[in-house]
Amino acid sequence: MPRYDFRCRACGDTFEVSRPMAAANEPAECPEGHDDTVKLLSTVGVGGLAQAPAEPRGGGCCGGGCCG
């Protein structure tokens, strides 16, 4: 089930709510009981190590091996 991040405007708390996608835009109450909340823009996290970009190896359609 997808999780959505919300922030409470009253206390500033950020919290997650798990709910079906069909209910993604429904309001959420913060854990402190406030109902003035806003849904945050979600980001996708991808695990793994960061890799440096590959170094250029020449140009053209063949990687510089046979092109002049």
PDB file of N, CA and C in Angstrom:
ATOM      1  N   MET A   1       0.849  -1.167   0.000  1.00  0.00           N
ATOM      2  CA  MET A   1       0.000   0.000   0.000  1.00  0.00           C
ATOM      3  C   MET A   1       0.903   1.240   0.000  1.00  0.00           C
ATOM      4  N   PRO A   2       0.608   2.212  -0.827  1.00  0.00           N
ATOM      5  CA  PRO A   2       1.435   3.426  -0.907  1.00  0.00           C
ATOM      6  C   PRO A   2       1.398   4.223   0.394  1.00  0.00           C
ATOM      7  N   ARG A   3       2.494   4.911   0.647  1.00  0.00           N
ATOM      8  CA  ARG A   3       2.596   5.804   1.809  1.00  0.00           C
ATOM      9  C   ARG A   3       2.706   7.232   1.314  1.00  0.00           C
ATOM     10  N   TYR A   4       2.039   8.131   2.002  1.00  0.00           N
ATOM     11  CA  TYR A   4       2.026   9.541   1.629  1.00  0.00           C
ATOM     12  C   TYR A   4       2.521  10.377   2.799  1.00  0.00           C
ATOM     13  N   ASP A   5       3.330  11.380   2.503  1.00  0.00           N
ATOM     14  CA  ASP A   5       3.865  12.281   3.517  1.00  0.00           C
ATOM     15  C   ASP A   5       2.960  13.496   3.650  1.00  0.00           C
ATOM     16  N   PHE A   6       2.710  13.869   4.892  1.00  0.00           N
ATOM     17  CA  PHE A   6       1.915  15.050   5.206  1.00  0.00           C
ATOM     18  C   PHE A   6       2.686  15.903   6.198  1.00  0.00           C
ATOM     19  N   ARG A   7       2.390  17.202   6.219  1.00  0.00           N
ATOM     20  CA  ARG A   7       2.942  18.111   7.226  1.00  0.00           C
ATOM     21  C   ARG A   7       1.785  18.852   7.862  1.00  0.00           C
ATOM     22  N   CYS A   8       1.856  18.944   9.191  1.00  0.00           N
ATOM     23  CA  CYS A   8       0.844  19.667   9.951  1.00  0.00           C
ATOM     24  C   CYS A   8       1.214  21.142   9.976  1.00  0.00           C
ATOM     25  N   ARG A   9       0.285  21.986   9.595  1.00  0.00           N
ATOM     26  CA  ARG A   9       0.538  23.434   9.615  1.00  0.00           C
ATOM     27  C   ARG A   9       0.482  23.995  11.025  1.00  0.00           C
ATOM     28  N   ALA A  10      -0.222  23.325  11.910  1.00  0.00           N
ATOM     29  CA  ALA A  10      -0.364  23.820  13.284  1.00  0.00           C
ATOM     30  C   ALA A  10       0.898  23.573  14.111  1.00  0.00           C
ATOM     31  N   CYS A  11       1.452  22.352  14.058  1.00  0.00           N
ATOM     32  CA  CYS A  11       2.599  22.034  14.912  1.00  0.00           C
ATOM     33  C   CYS A  11       3.892  21.794  14.133  1.00  0.00           C
ATOM     34  N   GLY A  12       3.822  21.711  12.797  1.00  0.00           N
ATOM     35  CA  GLY A  12       5.013  21.522  11.980  1.00  0.00           C
ATOM     36  C   GLY A  12       5.481  20.087  11.863  1.00  0.00           C
ATOM     37  N   ASP A  13       4.772  19.141  12.468  1.00  0.00           N
ATOM     38  CA  ASP A  13       5.143  17.729  12.422  1.00  0.00           C
ATOM     39  C   ASP A  13       4.972  17.187  11.000  1.00  0.00           C
ATOM     40  N   THR A  14       5.901  16.332  10.573  1.00  0.00           N
ATOM     41  CA  THR A  14       5.793  15.626   9.295  1.00  0.00           C
ATOM     42  C   THR A  14       5.522  14.165   9.618  1.00  0.00           C
ATOM     43  N   PHE A  15       4.554  13.562   8.928  1.00  0.00           N
ATOM     44  CA  PHE A  15       4.159  12.191   9.222  1.00  0.00           C
ATOM     45  C   PHE A  15       3.728  11.481   7.949  1.00  0.00           C
ATOM     46  N   GLU A  16       3.703  10.144   8.018  1.00  0.00           N
ATOM     47  CA  GLU A  16       3.308   9.298   6.885  1.00  0.00           C
ATOM     48  C   GLU A  16       1.942   8.691   7.138  1.00  0.00           C
ATOM     49  N   VAL A  17       1.197   8.516   6.039  1.00  0.00           N
ATOM     50  CA  VAL A  17      -0.088   7.838   6.089  1.00  0.00           C
ATOM     51  C   VAL A  17      -0.088   6.780   4.990  1.00  0.00           C
ATOM     52  N   SER A  18      -0.422   5.529   5.345  1.00  0.00           N
ATOM     53  CA  SER A  18      -0.569   4.460   4.358  1.00  0.00           C
ATOM     54  C   SER A  18      -2.040   4.368   3.995  1.00  0.00           C
ATOM     55  N   ARG A  19      -2.310   4.421   2.694  1.00  0.00           N
ATOM     56  CA  ARG A  19      -3.694   4.339   2.226  1.00  0.00           C
ATOM     57  C   ARG A  19      -3.703   3.957   0.756  1.00  0.00           C
ATOM     58  N   PRO A  20      -4.827   3.458   0.264  1.00  0.00           N
ATOM     59  CA  PRO A  20      -4.916   3.108  -1.162  1.00  0.00           C
ATOM     60  C   PRO A  20      -4.759   4.351  -2.043  1.00  0.00           C
ATOM     61  N   MET A  21      -4.322   4.133  -3.271  1.00  0.00           N
ATOM     62  CA  MET A  21      -4.141   5.260  -4.198  1.00  0.00           C
ATOM     63  C   MET A  21      -5.441   6.016  -4.426  1.00  0.00           C
ATOM     64  N   ALA A  22      -6.566   5.324  -4.363  1.00  0.00           N
ATOM     65  CA  ALA A  22      -7.857   5.979  -4.571  1.00  0.00           C
ATOM     66  C   ALA A  22      -8.137   7.018  -3.485  1.00  0.00           C
ATOM     67  N   ALA A  23      -7.490   6.892  -2.322  1.00  0.00           N
ATOM     68  CA  ALA A  23      -7.702   7.825  -1.217  1.00  0.00           C
ATOM     69  C   ALA A  23      -6.513   8.773  -1.031  1.00  0.00           C
ATOM     70  N   ALA A  24      -5.649   8.863  -2.028  1.00  0.00           N
ATOM     71  CA  ALA A  24      -4.415   9.645  -1.901  1.00  0.00           C
ATOM     72  C   ALA A  24      -4.658  11.109  -1.560  1.00  0.00           C
ATOM     73  N   ASN A  25      -5.704  11.700  -2.069  1.00  0.00           N
ATOM     74  CA  ASN A  25      -5.937  13.132  -1.874  1.00  0.00           C
ATOM     75  C   ASN A  25      -6.881  13.463  -0.729  1.00  0.00           C
ATOM     76  N   GLU A  26      -7.276  12.453   0.047  1.00  0.00           N
ATOM     77  CA  GLU A  26      -8.148  12.724   1.191  1.00  0.00           C
ATOM     78  C   GLU A  26      -7.347  13.412   2.291  1.00  0.00           C
ATOM     79  N   PRO A  27      -7.992  14.261   3.089  1.00  0.00           N
ATOM     80  CA  PRO A  27      -7.278  14.933   4.172  1.00  0.00           C
ATOM     81  C   PRO A  27      -6.800  13.929   5.220  1.00  0.00           C
ATOM     82  N   ALA A  28      -5.755  14.313   5.954  1.00  0.00           N
ATOM     83  CA  ALA A  28      -5.211  13.462   7.010  1.00  0.00           C
ATOM     84  C   ALA A  28      -5.070  14.275   8.287  1.00  0.00           C
ATOM     85  N   GLU A  29      -5.327  13.633   9.427  1.00  0.00           N
ATOM     86  CA  GLU A  29      -5.156  14.273  10.724  1.00  0.00           C
ATOM     87  C   GLU A  29      -3.768  13.940  11.250  1.00  0.00           C
ATOM     88  N   CYS A  30      -3.077  14.924  11.806  1.00  0.00           N
ATOM     89  CA  CYS A  30      -1.736  14.671  12.327  1.00  0.00           C
ATOM     90  C   CYS A  30      -1.827  13.852  13.618  1.00  0.00           C
ATOM     91  N   PRO A  31      -0.736  13.197  14.013  1.00  0.00           N
ATOM     92  CA  PRO A  31      -0.750  12.382  15.225  1.00  0.00           C
ATOM     93  C   PRO A  31      -1.097  13.171  16.501  1.00  0.00           C
ATOM     94  N   GLU A  32      -0.933  14.494  16.462  1.00  0.00           N
ATOM     95  CA  GLU A  32      -1.265  15.331  17.617  1.00  0.00           C
ATOM     96  C   GLU A  32      -2.733  15.751  17.617  1.00  0.00           C
ATOM     97  N   GLY A  33      -3.488  15.337  16.575  1.00  0.00           N
ATOM     98  CA  GLY A  33      -4.921  15.632  16.523  1.00  0.00           C
ATOM     99  C   GLY A  33      -5.311  16.850  15.719  1.00  0.00           C
ATOM    100  N   HIS A  34      -4.339  17.545  15.116  1.00  0.00           N
ATOM    101  CA  HIS A  34      -4.657  18.716  14.289  1.00  0.00           C
ATOM    102  C   HIS A  34      -5.146  18.255  12.918  1.00  0.00           C
ATOM    103  N   ASP A  35      -6.040  19.030  12.344  1.00  0.00           N
ATOM    104  CA  ASP A  35      -6.533  18.645  11.014  1.00  0.00           C
ATOM    105  C   ASP A  35      -6.130  19.614   9.908  1.00  0.00           C
ATOM    106  N   ASP A  36      -5.299  20.604  10.214  1.00  0.00           N
ATOM    107  CA  ASP A  36      -4.803  21.540   9.202  1.00  0.00           C
ATOM    108  C   ASP A  36      -3.482  20.997   8.650  1.00  0.00           C
ATOM    109  N   THR A  37      -3.593  20.042   7.720  1.00  0.00           N
ATOM    110  CA  THR A  37      -2.415  19.378   7.164  1.00  0.00           C
ATOM    111  C   THR A  37      -2.364  19.560   5.659  1.00  0.00           C
ATOM    112  N   VAL A  38      -1.179  19.363   5.117  1.00  0.00           N
ATOM    113  CA  VAL A  38      -0.985  19.469   3.678  1.00  0.00           C
ATOM    114  C   VAL A  38      -0.171  18.257   3.219  1.00  0.00           C
ATOM    115  N   LYS A  39      -0.567  17.692   2.093  1.00  0.00           N
ATOM    116  CA  LYS A  39       0.159  16.559   1.519  1.00  0.00           C
ATOM    117  C   LYS A  39       1.422  17.087   0.846  1.00  0.00           C
ATOM    118  N   LEU A  40       2.547  16.437   1.132  1.00  0.00           N
ATOM    119  CA  LEU A  40       3.828  16.859   0.564  1.00  0.00           C
ATOM    120  C   LEU A  40       4.083  16.167  -0.763  1.00  0.00           C
ATOM    121  N   LEU A  41       4.866  16.807  -1.586  1.00  0.00           N
ATOM    122  CA  LEU A  41       5.283  16.216  -2.848  1.00  0.00           C
ATOM    123  C   LEU A  41       6.222  15.066  -2.542  1.00  0.00           C
ATOM    124  N   SER A  42       5.894  13.898  -3.023  1.00  0.00           N
ATOM    125  CA  SER A  42       6.700  12.713  -2.751  1.00  0.00           C
ATOM    126  C   SER A  42       7.887  12.635  -3.698  1.00  0.00           C
ATOM    127  N   THR A  43       8.973  12.086  -3.182  1.00  0.00           N
ATOM    128  CA  THR A  43      10.136  11.810  -4.008  1.00  0.00           C
ATOM    129  C   THR A  43      10.367  10.315  -4.014  1.00  0.00           C
ATOM    130  N   VAL A  44      10.964   9.840  -5.060  1.00  0.00           N
ATOM    131  CA  VAL A  44      11.244   8.418  -5.178  1.00  0.00           C
ATOM    132  C   VAL A  44      12.668   8.183  -4.719  1.00  0.00           C
ATOM    133  N   GLY A  45      12.832   7.311  -3.775  1.00  0.00           N
ATOM    134  CA  GLY A  45      14.169   6.961  -3.306  1.00  0.00           C
ATOM    135  C   GLY A  45      14.614   5.666  -3.941  1.00  0.00           C
ATOM    136  N   VAL A  46      15.803   5.662  -4.475  1.00  0.00           N
ATOM    137  CA  VAL A  46      16.355   4.465  -5.088  1.00  0.00           C
ATOM    138  C   VAL A  46      17.612   4.108  -4.309  1.00  0.00           C
ATOM    139  N   GLY A  47      17.643   2.910  -3.779  1.00  0.00           N
ATOM    140  CA  GLY A  47      18.791   2.492  -2.983  1.00  0.00           C
ATOM    141  C   GLY A  47      19.982   2.153  -3.851  1.00  0.00           C
ATOM    142  N   GLY A  48      21.120   2.039  -3.225  1.00  0.00           N
ATOM    143  CA  GLY A  48      22.332   1.683  -3.943  1.00  0.00           C
ATOM    144  C   GLY A  48      23.386   2.752  -3.782  1.00  0.00           C
ATOM    145  N   LEU A  49      24.542   2.460  -4.274  1.00  0.00           N
ATOM    146  CA  LEU A  49      25.653   3.396  -4.191  1.00  0.00           C
ATOM    147  C   LEU A  49      25.612   4.378  -5.350  1.00  0.00           C
ATOM    148  N   ALA A  50      26.015   5.587  -5.071  1.00  0.00           N
ATOM    149  CA  ALA A  50      26.104   6.590  -6.132  1.00  0.00           C
ATOM    150  C   ALA A  50      27.293   6.247  -7.019  1.00  0.00           C
ATOM    151  N   GLN A  51      27.116   6.423  -8.293  1.00  0.00           N
ATOM    152  CA  GLN A  51      28.186   6.137  -9.239  1.00  0.00           C
ATOM    153  C   GLN A  51      28.533   7.404  -9.994  1.00  0.00           C
ATOM    154  N   ALA A  52      29.812   7.580 -10.242  1.00  0.00           N
ATOM    155  CA  ALA A  52      30.259   8.719 -11.033  1.00  0.00           C
ATOM    156  C   ALA A  52      29.867   8.482 -12.484  1.00  0.00           C
ATOM    157  N   PRO A  53      29.597   9.541 -13.233  1.00  0.00           N
ATOM    158  CA  PRO A  53      29.261   9.360 -14.642  1.00  0.00           C
ATOM    159  C   PRO A  53      30.438   8.740 -15.396  1.00  0.00           C
ATOM    160  N   ALA A  54      30.101   7.974 -16.407  1.00  0.00           N
ATOM    161  CA  ALA A  54      31.132   7.324 -17.213  1.00  0.00           C
ATOM    162  C   ALA A  54      31.963   8.366 -17.952  1.00  0.00           C
ATOM    163  N   GLU A  55      33.247   8.095 -18.071  1.00  0.00           N
ATOM    164  CA  GLU A  55      34.114   9.013 -18.797  1.00  0.00           C
ATOM    165  C   GLU A  55      33.883   8.858 -20.288  1.00  0.00           C
ATOM    166  N   PRO A  56      33.953   9.949 -21.038  1.00  0.00           N
ATOM    167  CA  PRO A  56      33.785   9.850 -22.480  1.00  0.00           C
ATOM    168  C   PRO A  56      34.895   8.985 -23.087  1.00  0.00           C
ATOM    169  N   ARG A  57      34.541   8.197 -24.077  1.00  0.00           N
ATOM    170  CA  ARG A  57      35.507   7.291 -24.704  1.00  0.00           C
ATOM    171  C   ARG A  57      35.687   7.572 -26.180  1.00  0.00           C
ATOM    172  N   GLY A  58      35.433   8.718 -26.611  1.00  0.00           N
ATOM    173  CA  GLY A  58      35.545   9.020 -28.037  1.00  0.00           C
ATOM    174  C   GLY A  58      34.185   9.398 -28.564  1.00  0.00           C
ATOM    175  N   GLY A  59      34.112   9.763 -29.787  1.00  0.00           N
ATOM    176  CA  GLY A  59      32.832  10.234 -30.311  1.00  0.00           C
ATOM    177  C   GLY A  59      32.291   9.342 -31.402  1.00  0.00           C
ATOM    178  N   GLY A  60      31.210   9.784 -31.937  1.00  0.00           N
ATOM    179  CA  GLY A  60      30.632   9.098 -33.077  1.00  0.00           C
ATOM    180  C   GLY A  60      29.781   7.907 -32.687  1.00  0.00           C
ATOM    181  N   CYS A  61      29.336   7.226 -33.706  1.00  0.00           N
ATOM    182  CA  CYS A  61      28.406   6.115 -33.510  1.00  0.00           C
ATOM    183  C   CYS A  61      29.111   4.843 -33.049  1.00  0.00           C
ATOM    184  N   CYS A  62      30.400   4.774 -33.156  1.00  0.00           N
ATOM    185  CA  CYS A  62      31.082   3.535 -32.799  1.00  0.00           C
ATOM    186  C   CYS A  62      32.018   3.697 -31.619  1.00  0.00           C
ATOM    187  N   GLY A  63      31.903   4.786 -30.873  1.00  0.00           N
ATOM    188  CA  GLY A  63      32.724   4.983 -29.703  1.00  0.00           C
ATOM    189  C   GLY A  63      34.149   5.400 -30.006  1.00  0.00           C
ATOM    190  N   GLY A  64      34.438   5.800 -31.204  1.00  0.00           N
ATOM    191  CA  GLY A  64      35.758   6.297 -31.558  1.00  0.00           C
ATOM    192  C   GLY A  64      36.704   5.237 -32.063  1.00  0.00           C
ATOM    193  N   GLY A  65      36.269   3.998 -32.174  1.00  0.00           N
ATOM    194  CA  GLY A  65      37.168   2.927 -32.592  1.00  0.00           C
ATOM    195  C   GLY A  65      37.490   2.939 -34.070  1.00  0.00           C
ATOM    196  N   CYS A  66      36.496   3.107 -34.917  1.00  0.00           N
ATOM    197  CA  CYS A  66      36.767   3.031 -36.350  1.00  0.00           C
ATOM    198  C   CYS A  66      36.417   4.326 -37.092  1.00  0.00           C
ATOM    199  N   CYS A  67      35.828   5.265 -36.411  1.00  0.00           N
ATOM    200  CA  CYS A  67      35.487   6.538 -37.046  1.00  0.00           C
ATOM    201  C   CYS A  67      36.709   7.440 -37.030  1.00  0.00           C
ATOM    202  N   GLY A  68      36.826   8.260 -37.999  1.00  0.00           N
ATOM    203  CA  GLY A  68      38.000   9.131 -38.075  1.00  0.00           C
ATOM    204  C   GLY A  68      37.858  10.433 -37.504  1.00  0.00           C
TER     205      GLY A  68
END
